[in-house]
């Protein structure tokens, strides 16, 4: 996705690596997943629910956020990414 002008990174704040790795493998996720064992992302970005989705620019500014998940959320996320890439 870097060729498209953005990167996707999952930051895990709750699970252990073995459970998350199994989940990613089962569903075919191929994005980097880092573990926030010291709650740095929680503190910096105010994570209050899981999942929490942020679009963050190269300077660390939050451009868009959603807390939790509702069916169809991936459509809204894709639309927002397209809007931001057009600017």
C-alpha atoms as a PDB file:
ATOM      1  CA  UNK A   1       0.000   0.000   0.000  1.00  0.00           C
ATOM      2  CA  UNK A   2       2.982   2.286   0.304  1.00  0.00           C
ATOM      3  CA  UNK A   3       2.828   2.669  -3.476  1.00  0.00           C
ATOM      4  CA  UNK A   4      -0.624   4.176  -2.991  1.00  0.00           C
ATOM      5  CA  UNK A   5       0.664   6.823  -0.573  1.00  0.00           C
ATOM      6  CA  UNK A   6      -0.146   5.291   2.786  1.00  0.00           C
ATOM      7  CA  UNK A   7       0.696   2.433   5.136  1.00  0.00           C
ATOM      8  CA  UNK A   8      -1.478   0.297   7.383  1.00  0.00           C
ATOM      9  CA  UNK A   9      -0.190  -0.778  10.782  1.00  0.00           C
ATOM     10  CA  UNK A  10      -2.143  -2.585  13.482  1.00  0.00           C
ATOM     11  CA  UNK A  11      -1.291  -1.674  17.064  1.00  0.00           C
ATOM     12  CA  UNK A  12      -2.433  -4.325  19.514  1.00  0.00           C
ATOM     13  CA  UNK A  13      -3.060  -3.115  23.060  1.00  0.00           C
ATOM     14  CA  UNK A  14      -4.779  -6.150  24.568  1.00  0.00           C
ATOM     15  CA  UNK A  15      -3.924  -9.557  23.171  1.00  0.00           C
ATOM     16  CA  UNK A  16      -0.878 -11.733  23.369  1.00  0.00           C
ATOM     17  CA  UNK A  17       1.127 -12.301  20.223  1.00  0.00           C
ATOM     18  CA  UNK A  18       0.171 -15.967  19.751  1.00  0.00           C
ATOM     19  CA  UNK A  19      -3.578 -15.229  19.744  1.00  0.00           C
ATOM     20  CA  UNK A  20      -3.206 -12.280  17.422  1.00  0.00           C
ATOM     21  CA  UNK A  21      -0.876 -14.123  15.047  1.00  0.00           C
ATOM     22  CA  UNK A  22      -3.395 -16.989  14.815  1.00  0.00           C
ATOM     23  CA  UNK A  23      -6.230 -14.517  14.118  1.00  0.00           C
ATOM     24  CA  UNK A  24      -4.236 -12.787  11.369  1.00  0.00           C
ATOM     25  CA  UNK A  25      -3.360 -16.112   9.772  1.00  0.00           C
ATOM     26  CA  UNK A  26      -6.970 -17.371   9.910  1.00  0.00           C
ATOM     27  CA  UNK A  27      -8.339 -14.265   8.200  1.00  0.00           C
ATOM     28  CA  UNK A  28      -5.405 -13.675   5.834  1.00  0.00           C
ATOM     29  CA  UNK A  29      -4.324 -10.292   7.210  1.00  0.00           C
ATOM     30  CA  UNK A  30      -0.952  -9.261   5.812  1.00  0.00           C
ATOM     31  CA  UNK A  31      -0.304  -5.976   7.598  1.00  0.00           C
ATOM     32  CA  UNK A  32       2.349  -5.221  10.212  1.00  0.00           C
ATOM     33  CA  UNK A  33       1.119  -5.730  13.762  1.00  0.00           C
ATOM     34  CA  UNK A  34       2.973  -4.192  16.698  1.00  0.00           C
ATOM     35  CA  UNK A  35       2.245  -4.713  20.371  1.00  0.00           C
ATOM     36  CA  UNK A  36       1.910  -1.648  22.580  1.00  0.00           C
ATOM     37  CA  UNK A  37       3.034  -3.345  25.779  1.00  0.00           C
ATOM     38  CA  UNK A  38       3.668  -0.011  27.526  1.00  0.00           C
ATOM     39  CA  UNK A  39       0.424   1.674  26.360  1.00  0.00           C
ATOM     40  CA  UNK A  40       2.246   4.391  24.432  1.00  0.00           C
ATOM     41  CA  UNK A  41      -0.397   4.513  21.667  1.00  0.00           C
ATOM     42  CA  UNK A  42      -3.184   4.374  24.249  1.00  0.00           C
ATOM     43  CA  UNK A  43      -1.780   7.459  25.974  1.00  0.00           C
ATOM     44  CA  UNK A  44      -0.782   9.393  22.854  1.00  0.00           C
ATOM     45  CA  UNK A  45      -3.909   8.797  20.789  1.00  0.00           C
ATOM     46  CA  UNK A  46      -6.526   8.326  23.509  1.00  0.00           C
ATOM     47  CA  UNK A  47      -7.535   4.789  22.619  1.00  0.00           C
ATOM     48  CA  UNK A  48     -10.737   4.104  24.542  1.00  0.00           C
ATOM     49  CA  UNK A  49     -12.257   1.177  22.639  1.00  0.00           C
ATOM     50  CA  UNK A  50     -11.176  -1.695  20.473  1.00  0.00           C
ATOM     51  CA  UNK A  51     -10.946  -1.542  17.664  1.00  0.00           C
ATOM     52  CA  UNK A  52     -10.036   2.098  17.322  1.00  0.00           C
ATOM     53  CA  UNK A  53      -9.155   3.218  13.808  1.00  0.00           C
ATOM     54  CA  UNK A  54      -7.039   6.275  13.056  1.00  0.00           C
ATOM     55  CA  UNK A  55      -5.740   7.821   9.891  1.00  0.00           C
ATOM     56  CA  UNK A  56      -2.542   9.592  10.922  1.00  0.00           C
ATOM     57  CA  UNK A  57      -0.340  11.714   8.688  1.00  0.00           C
ATOM     58  CA  UNK A  58       3.449  11.515   8.458  1.00  0.00           C
ATOM     59  CA  UNK A  59       3.788  14.109  11.219  1.00  0.00           C
ATOM     60  CA  UNK A  60       1.595  12.178  13.651  1.00  0.00           C
ATOM     61  CA  UNK A  61      -1.525  14.334  13.273  1.00  0.00           C
ATOM     62  CA  UNK A  62      -4.826  12.481  13.491  1.00  0.00           C
ATOM     63  CA  UNK A  63      -6.826  13.152  10.329  1.00  0.00           C
ATOM     64  CA  UNK A  64      -9.737  10.769  11.018  1.00  0.00           C
ATOM     65  CA  UNK A  65     -10.821   8.425  13.814  1.00  0.00           C
ATOM     66  CA  UNK A  66     -13.500   5.879  14.642  1.00  0.00           C
ATOM     67  CA  UNK A  67     -14.082   4.060  17.916  1.00  0.00           C
ATOM     68  CA  UNK A  68     -15.454   0.529  17.848  1.00  0.00           C
ATOM     69  CA  UNK A  69     -16.830  -1.284  14.831  1.00  0.00           C
ATOM     70  CA  UNK A  70     -20.151  -1.357  13.040  1.00  0.00           C
ATOM     71  CA  UNK A  71     -20.943  -3.497   9.987  1.00  0.00           C
ATOM     72  CA  UNK A  72     -19.920  -1.623   6.861  1.00  0.00           C
ATOM     73  CA  UNK A  73     -17.273   0.425   8.673  1.00  0.00           C
ATOM     74  CA  UNK A  74     -14.643  -0.752   6.192  1.00  0.00           C
ATOM     75  CA  UNK A  75     -16.587   1.040   3.435  1.00  0.00           C
ATOM     76  CA  UNK A  76     -16.491   4.327   5.363  1.00  0.00           C
ATOM     77  CA  UNK A  77     -12.787   3.803   6.055  1.00  0.00           C
ATOM     78  CA  UNK A  78     -12.030   3.185   2.374  1.00  0.00           C
ATOM     79  CA  UNK A  79     -14.002   6.305   1.399  1.00  0.00           C
ATOM     80  CA  UNK A  80     -12.085   8.424   3.903  1.00  0.00           C
ATOM     81  CA  UNK A  81      -8.721   7.088   2.707  1.00  0.00           C
ATOM     82  CA  UNK A  82      -9.689   7.967  -0.867  1.00  0.00           C
ATOM     83  CA  UNK A  83     -10.708  11.498   0.181  1.00  0.00           C
ATOM     84  CA  UNK A  84      -7.412  12.051   1.993  1.00  0.00           C
ATOM     85  CA  UNK A  85      -5.337  10.656  -0.880  1.00  0.00           C
ATOM     86  CA  UNK A  86      -7.065  13.031  -3.302  1.00  0.00           C
ATOM     87  CA  UNK A  87      -5.837  16.077  -1.332  1.00  0.00           C
END
